[in-house]
Amino acid sequence: MPFVDPRELRPRQPLAGWNGRFFHSDHMTFVYYEIDADAVPIHEHQHPEEEVWNVVEGTLAITIDGVEHVAGPGCAAIVPPNTPHSTRALSASRAIVVDFPVRARVGGVATD
C-alpha cells in the first residue's frame, strides 16, 4: 500500500471529540485526527512507542514529562518512549500523530 488517502478510511473515536483515521506502514502507526474544540482531554499516560504530534490546524496544549507547550500549525511535539504525556484541545484542530514502532491500540481502539 504505497499510497493512502485518509479521507477513504473509516473514522474512529478513541475519546469523545477525537475523530481519527488510522493506518500503518511496515514500522509506524499514523493517525489523522480532527479534534473538536470541546474534545475530552487525553489524560496523562505513557507507552513504549515513540510518538510525534504534528499540528496541522488549530491549537493544542501538549504536556510532555510535566512541561506544557501550546502547539499551533507547523509545530511538532516529540514524545520519547515511556514518557508521561497528555494533550488537550484549545480550539478545533487537526493533527497527524505517528507512533514508532507500530501501535496496536490507541485509547482502547484497535488501530487496524
N, C-alpha and C. Protein backbone atom coordinates (compact mmCIF):
# COMPACT_ATOMS: atom_id res chain seq x y z
N MET A 1 0.84 -1.17 0.00
CA MET A 1 0.00 0.00 0.00
C MET A 1 0.89 1.25 0.00
N PRO A 2 1.44 1.65 -1.15
CA PRO A 2 2.35 2.80 -1.18
C PRO A 2 1.65 4.15 -1.06
N PHE A 3 0.34 4.22 -1.29
CA PHE A 3 -0.39 5.49 -1.17
C PHE A 3 -1.63 5.29 -0.32
N VAL A 4 -1.87 6.23 0.59
CA VAL A 4 -3.03 6.16 1.47
C VAL A 4 -3.74 7.50 1.42
N ASP A 5 -5.04 7.48 1.20
CA ASP A 5 -5.85 8.69 1.29
C ASP A 5 -6.69 8.55 2.57
N PRO A 6 -6.29 9.25 3.65
CA PRO A 6 -7.01 9.10 4.91
C PRO A 6 -8.51 9.39 4.82
N ARG A 7 -8.91 10.21 3.85
CA ARG A 7 -10.34 10.51 3.71
C ARG A 7 -11.14 9.27 3.37
N GLU A 8 -10.47 8.24 2.84
CA GLU A 8 -11.15 7.00 2.49
C GLU A 8 -11.22 6.01 3.65
N LEU A 9 -10.58 6.33 4.77
CA LEU A 9 -10.56 5.44 5.92
C LEU A 9 -11.72 5.75 6.86
N ARG A 10 -12.22 4.72 7.51
CA ARG A 10 -13.31 4.87 8.46
C ARG A 10 -12.82 5.63 9.70
N PRO A 11 -13.51 6.71 10.08
CA PRO A 11 -13.10 7.42 11.30
C PRO A 11 -13.49 6.64 12.55
N ARG A 12 -12.64 6.72 13.56
CA ARG A 12 -12.91 6.11 14.86
C ARG A 12 -12.64 7.13 15.95
N GLN A 13 -13.27 6.97 17.09
CA GLN A 13 -13.19 7.95 18.15
C GLN A 13 -12.69 7.30 19.44
N PRO A 14 -11.36 7.34 19.69
CA PRO A 14 -10.84 6.76 20.92
C PRO A 14 -11.30 7.51 22.17
N LEU A 15 -11.59 8.78 22.03
CA LEU A 15 -12.16 9.61 23.10
C LEU A 15 -13.15 10.58 22.45
N ALA A 16 -14.12 11.03 23.22
CA ALA A 16 -15.10 11.97 22.69
C ALA A 16 -14.41 13.20 22.13
N GLY A 17 -14.71 13.51 20.87
CA GLY A 17 -14.15 14.68 20.21
C GLY A 17 -12.87 14.43 19.43
N TRP A 18 -12.29 13.23 19.54
CA TRP A 18 -11.05 12.87 18.84
C TRP A 18 -11.41 11.92 17.70
N ASN A 19 -11.58 12.45 16.51
CA ASN A 19 -12.01 11.68 15.35
C ASN A 19 -10.78 11.31 14.53
N GLY A 20 -10.36 10.04 14.61
CA GLY A 20 -9.11 9.62 13.99
C GLY A 20 -9.29 8.64 12.86
N ARG A 21 -8.42 8.76 11.88
CA ARG A 21 -8.35 7.81 10.77
C ARG A 21 -6.97 7.17 10.86
N PHE A 22 -6.93 5.87 11.10
CA PHE A 22 -5.72 5.13 11.43
C PHE A 22 -5.23 4.30 10.25
N PHE A 23 -3.91 4.23 10.09
CA PHE A 23 -3.31 3.28 9.16
C PHE A 23 -1.88 3.01 9.58
N HIS A 24 -1.29 1.96 9.02
CA HIS A 24 0.07 1.54 9.37
C HIS A 24 0.95 1.48 8.13
N SER A 25 2.23 1.78 8.33
CA SER A 25 3.26 1.37 7.37
C SER A 25 3.86 0.10 7.98
N ASP A 26 4.94 -0.38 7.43
CA ASP A 26 5.55 -1.59 7.99
C ASP A 26 6.03 -1.38 9.43
N HIS A 27 6.39 -0.14 9.79
CA HIS A 27 7.02 0.09 11.09
C HIS A 27 6.37 1.18 11.93
N MET A 28 5.37 1.88 11.39
CA MET A 28 4.78 3.01 12.11
C MET A 28 3.26 2.98 12.04
N THR A 29 2.64 3.64 13.03
CA THR A 29 1.20 3.85 13.04
C THR A 29 0.94 5.33 12.84
N PHE A 30 0.00 5.65 11.98
CA PHE A 30 -0.37 7.04 11.68
C PHE A 30 -1.82 7.26 12.07
N VAL A 31 -2.10 8.41 12.66
CA VAL A 31 -3.47 8.81 12.96
C VAL A 31 -3.65 10.23 12.45
N TYR A 32 -4.65 10.43 11.60
CA TYR A 32 -5.04 11.76 11.16
C TYR A 32 -6.24 12.13 12.02
N TYR A 33 -6.04 13.08 12.93
CA TYR A 33 -7.10 13.49 13.85
C TYR A 33 -7.78 14.78 13.40
N GLU A 34 -9.09 14.80 13.52
CA GLU A 34 -9.89 16.02 13.50
C GLU A 34 -10.43 16.12 14.92
N ILE A 35 -10.10 17.21 15.60
CA ILE A 35 -10.34 17.33 17.03
C ILE A 35 -11.33 18.45 17.28
N ASP A 36 -12.40 18.14 18.01
CA ASP A 36 -13.40 19.15 18.35
C ASP A 36 -12.83 20.10 19.41
N ALA A 37 -13.29 21.34 19.40
CA ALA A 37 -12.82 22.33 20.37
C ALA A 37 -13.12 21.88 21.80
N ASP A 38 -14.22 21.15 21.99
CA ASP A 38 -14.59 20.70 23.34
C ASP A 38 -14.26 19.23 23.57
N ALA A 39 -13.28 18.72 22.85
CA ALA A 39 -12.88 17.31 22.98
C ALA A 39 -12.43 17.01 24.41
N VAL A 40 -12.72 15.81 24.87
CA VAL A 40 -12.24 15.35 26.17
C VAL A 40 -10.71 15.36 26.13
N PRO A 41 -10.04 15.93 27.14
CA PRO A 41 -8.57 15.90 27.13
C PRO A 41 -8.03 14.46 27.19
N ILE A 42 -6.91 14.24 26.53
CA ILE A 42 -6.23 12.95 26.64
C ILE A 42 -5.46 12.96 27.95
N HIS A 43 -5.83 12.08 28.86
CA HIS A 43 -5.22 12.03 30.19
C HIS A 43 -3.72 11.70 30.10
N GLU A 44 -3.02 12.02 31.17
CA GLU A 44 -1.60 11.69 31.20
C GLU A 44 -1.44 10.16 31.14
N HIS A 45 -0.58 9.72 30.28
CA HIS A 45 -0.31 8.29 30.09
C HIS A 45 1.07 8.14 29.48
N GLN A 46 1.51 6.92 29.34
CA GLN A 46 2.77 6.64 28.66
C GLN A 46 2.67 5.28 27.99
N HIS A 47 3.51 5.05 27.01
CA HIS A 47 3.52 3.79 26.27
C HIS A 47 4.93 3.58 25.71
N PRO A 48 5.24 2.35 25.30
CA PRO A 48 6.61 2.07 24.85
C PRO A 48 6.98 2.66 23.49
N GLU A 49 5.98 3.12 22.73
CA GLU A 49 6.26 3.67 21.40
C GLU A 49 6.69 5.14 21.49
N GLU A 50 7.63 5.54 20.64
CA GLU A 50 7.91 6.96 20.44
C GLU A 50 6.72 7.54 19.69
N GLU A 51 6.36 8.79 19.99
CA GLU A 51 5.19 9.40 19.35
C GLU A 51 5.51 10.83 18.93
N VAL A 52 5.11 11.18 17.72
CA VAL A 52 5.33 12.54 17.22
C VAL A 52 3.98 13.13 16.83
N TRP A 53 3.67 14.29 17.40
CA TRP A 53 2.46 15.05 17.08
C TRP A 53 2.85 16.17 16.14
N ASN A 54 2.13 16.30 15.03
CA ASN A 54 2.34 17.40 14.10
C ASN A 54 1.00 18.13 13.97
N VAL A 55 0.94 19.35 14.49
CA VAL A 55 -0.30 20.13 14.45
C VAL A 55 -0.43 20.75 13.06
N VAL A 56 -1.55 20.49 12.43
CA VAL A 56 -1.81 20.99 11.07
C VAL A 56 -2.66 22.24 11.12
N GLU A 57 -3.60 22.28 12.06
CA GLU A 57 -4.55 23.40 12.15
C GLU A 57 -5.04 23.51 13.59
N GLY A 58 -5.29 24.72 14.06
CA GLY A 58 -5.79 24.91 15.41
C GLY A 58 -4.68 24.97 16.43
N THR A 59 -5.05 24.74 17.71
CA THR A 59 -4.09 24.85 18.80
C THR A 59 -4.33 23.75 19.82
N LEU A 60 -3.25 23.06 20.19
CA LEU A 60 -3.29 22.02 21.21
C LEU A 60 -2.31 22.35 22.32
N ALA A 61 -2.68 22.02 23.55
CA ALA A 61 -1.74 22.10 24.67
C ALA A 61 -1.22 20.69 24.89
N ILE A 62 0.06 20.49 24.64
CA ILE A 62 0.68 19.18 24.75
C ILE A 62 1.68 19.22 25.91
N THR A 63 1.51 18.31 26.85
CA THR A 63 2.39 18.23 28.01
C THR A 63 3.24 16.97 27.88
N ILE A 64 4.55 17.15 27.95
CA ILE A 64 5.50 16.03 27.86
C ILE A 64 6.38 16.08 29.09
N ASP A 65 6.32 15.02 29.89
CA ASP A 65 7.14 14.91 31.10
C ASP A 65 6.99 16.14 31.99
N GLY A 66 5.74 16.60 32.13
CA GLY A 66 5.42 17.70 33.03
C GLY A 66 5.58 19.10 32.46
N VAL A 67 6.05 19.22 31.23
CA VAL A 67 6.24 20.53 30.60
C VAL A 67 5.18 20.73 29.52
N GLU A 68 4.34 21.76 29.71
CA GLU A 68 3.28 22.03 28.73
C GLU A 68 3.77 23.04 27.69
N HIS A 69 3.37 22.79 26.45
CA HIS A 69 3.68 23.70 25.35
C HIS A 69 2.42 23.88 24.52
N VAL A 70 2.11 25.10 24.14
CA VAL A 70 0.98 25.36 23.26
C VAL A 70 1.49 25.22 21.83
N ALA A 71 0.91 24.26 21.11
CA ALA A 71 1.38 23.92 19.77
C ALA A 71 0.35 24.35 18.73
N GLY A 72 0.80 25.14 17.76
CA GLY A 72 -0.05 25.59 16.68
C GLY A 72 0.39 24.98 15.36
N PRO A 73 -0.20 25.42 14.26
CA PRO A 73 0.11 24.86 12.95
C PRO A 73 1.61 24.86 12.64
N GLY A 74 2.09 23.70 12.21
CA GLY A 74 3.50 23.55 11.87
C GLY A 74 4.36 23.07 13.02
N CYS A 75 3.84 23.09 14.22
CA CYS A 75 4.62 22.66 15.39
C CYS A 75 4.59 21.14 15.50
N ALA A 76 5.73 20.57 15.86
CA ALA A 76 5.83 19.14 16.12
C ALA A 76 6.23 18.94 17.57
N ALA A 77 5.64 17.94 18.21
CA ALA A 77 5.98 17.58 19.59
C ALA A 77 6.44 16.13 19.58
N ILE A 78 7.64 15.90 20.10
CA ILE A 78 8.23 14.56 20.09
C ILE A 78 8.17 13.98 21.49
N VAL A 79 7.45 12.87 21.63
CA VAL A 79 7.29 12.20 22.92
C VAL A 79 8.18 10.96 22.92
N PRO A 80 9.23 10.94 23.74
CA PRO A 80 10.08 9.75 23.80
C PRO A 80 9.31 8.55 24.36
N PRO A 81 9.78 7.34 24.09
CA PRO A 81 9.13 6.15 24.65
C PRO A 81 9.06 6.23 26.18
N ASN A 82 7.99 5.67 26.74
CA ASN A 82 7.80 5.56 28.19
C ASN A 82 7.86 6.89 28.93
N THR A 83 7.41 7.96 28.29
CA THR A 83 7.42 9.30 28.88
C THR A 83 5.98 9.75 29.11
N PRO A 84 5.65 10.21 30.33
CA PRO A 84 4.29 10.69 30.58
C PRO A 84 3.97 11.88 29.69
N HIS A 85 2.75 11.87 29.12
CA HIS A 85 2.32 12.97 28.26
C HIS A 85 0.80 13.03 28.23
N SER A 86 0.28 14.19 27.87
CA SER A 86 -1.16 14.41 27.74
C SER A 86 -1.39 15.51 26.71
N THR A 87 -2.63 15.59 26.24
CA THR A 87 -2.96 16.60 25.21
C THR A 87 -4.38 17.09 25.44
N ARG A 88 -4.58 18.39 25.23
CA ARG A 88 -5.93 18.95 25.29
C ARG A 88 -6.08 19.98 24.17
N ALA A 89 -7.29 20.02 23.63
CA ALA A 89 -7.59 20.96 22.55
C ALA A 89 -7.88 22.33 23.12
N LEU A 90 -7.28 23.35 22.54
CA LEU A 90 -7.57 24.73 22.90
C LEU A 90 -8.49 25.36 21.86
N SER A 91 -8.65 24.67 20.73
CA SER A 91 -9.56 25.08 19.66
C SER A 91 -9.82 23.86 18.80
N ALA A 92 -10.77 23.96 17.90
CA ALA A 92 -10.93 22.88 16.91
C ALA A 92 -9.59 22.76 16.18
N SER A 93 -9.13 21.53 16.00
CA SER A 93 -7.78 21.32 15.49
C SER A 93 -7.72 20.11 14.57
N ARG A 94 -6.62 20.04 13.83
CA ARG A 94 -6.26 18.85 13.06
C ARG A 94 -4.81 18.55 13.36
N ALA A 95 -4.50 17.27 13.53
CA ALA A 95 -3.12 16.87 13.82
C ALA A 95 -2.86 15.50 13.21
N ILE A 96 -1.60 15.27 12.88
CA ILE A 96 -1.15 13.95 12.43
C ILE A 96 -0.23 13.42 13.53
N VAL A 97 -0.54 12.23 14.01
CA VAL A 97 0.24 11.61 15.08
C VAL A 97 0.86 10.33 14.53
N VAL A 98 2.17 10.16 14.77
CA VAL A 98 2.89 9.00 14.27
C VAL A 98 3.56 8.30 15.45
N ASP A 99 3.35 6.97 15.53
CA ASP A 99 3.99 6.16 16.57
C ASP A 99 4.97 5.19 15.93
N PHE A 100 6.12 4.98 16.60
CA PHE A 100 7.10 4.00 16.18
C PHE A 100 7.54 3.21 17.40
N PRO A 101 7.53 1.88 17.32
CA PRO A 101 7.03 1.06 16.22
C PRO A 101 5.50 1.04 16.19
N VAL A 102 4.95 0.19 15.33
CA VAL A 102 3.51 0.08 15.15
C VAL A 102 2.83 -0.07 16.51
N ARG A 103 1.74 0.63 16.66
CA ARG A 103 0.95 0.61 17.90
C ARG A 103 -0.39 -0.06 17.61
N ALA A 104 -0.71 -1.11 18.35
CA ALA A 104 -1.90 -1.91 18.09
C ALA A 104 -3.20 -1.24 18.56
N ARG A 105 -3.11 -0.42 19.62
CA ARG A 105 -4.31 0.21 20.18
C ARG A 105 -4.00 1.65 20.60
N VAL A 106 -4.98 2.52 20.42
CA VAL A 106 -4.88 3.90 20.88
C VAL A 106 -6.17 4.19 21.63
N GLY A 107 -6.04 4.52 22.91
CA GLY A 107 -7.21 4.82 23.71
C GLY A 107 -8.24 3.69 23.72
N GLY A 108 -7.77 2.45 23.68
CA GLY A 108 -8.67 1.32 23.69
C GLY A 108 -9.23 0.94 22.33
N VAL A 109 -8.89 1.70 21.29
CA VAL A 109 -9.39 1.44 19.93
C VAL A 109 -8.30 0.74 19.13
N ALA A 110 -8.66 -0.37 18.49
CA ALA A 110 -7.71 -1.07 17.62
C ALA A 110 -7.35 -0.17 16.44
N THR A 111 -6.08 -0.15 16.06
CA THR A 111 -5.62 0.75 15.01
C THR A 111 -5.60 0.09 13.64
N ASP A 112 -6.02 -1.17 13.55
CA ASP A 112 -6.00 -1.81 12.23
C ASP A 112 -7.34 -1.72 11.53
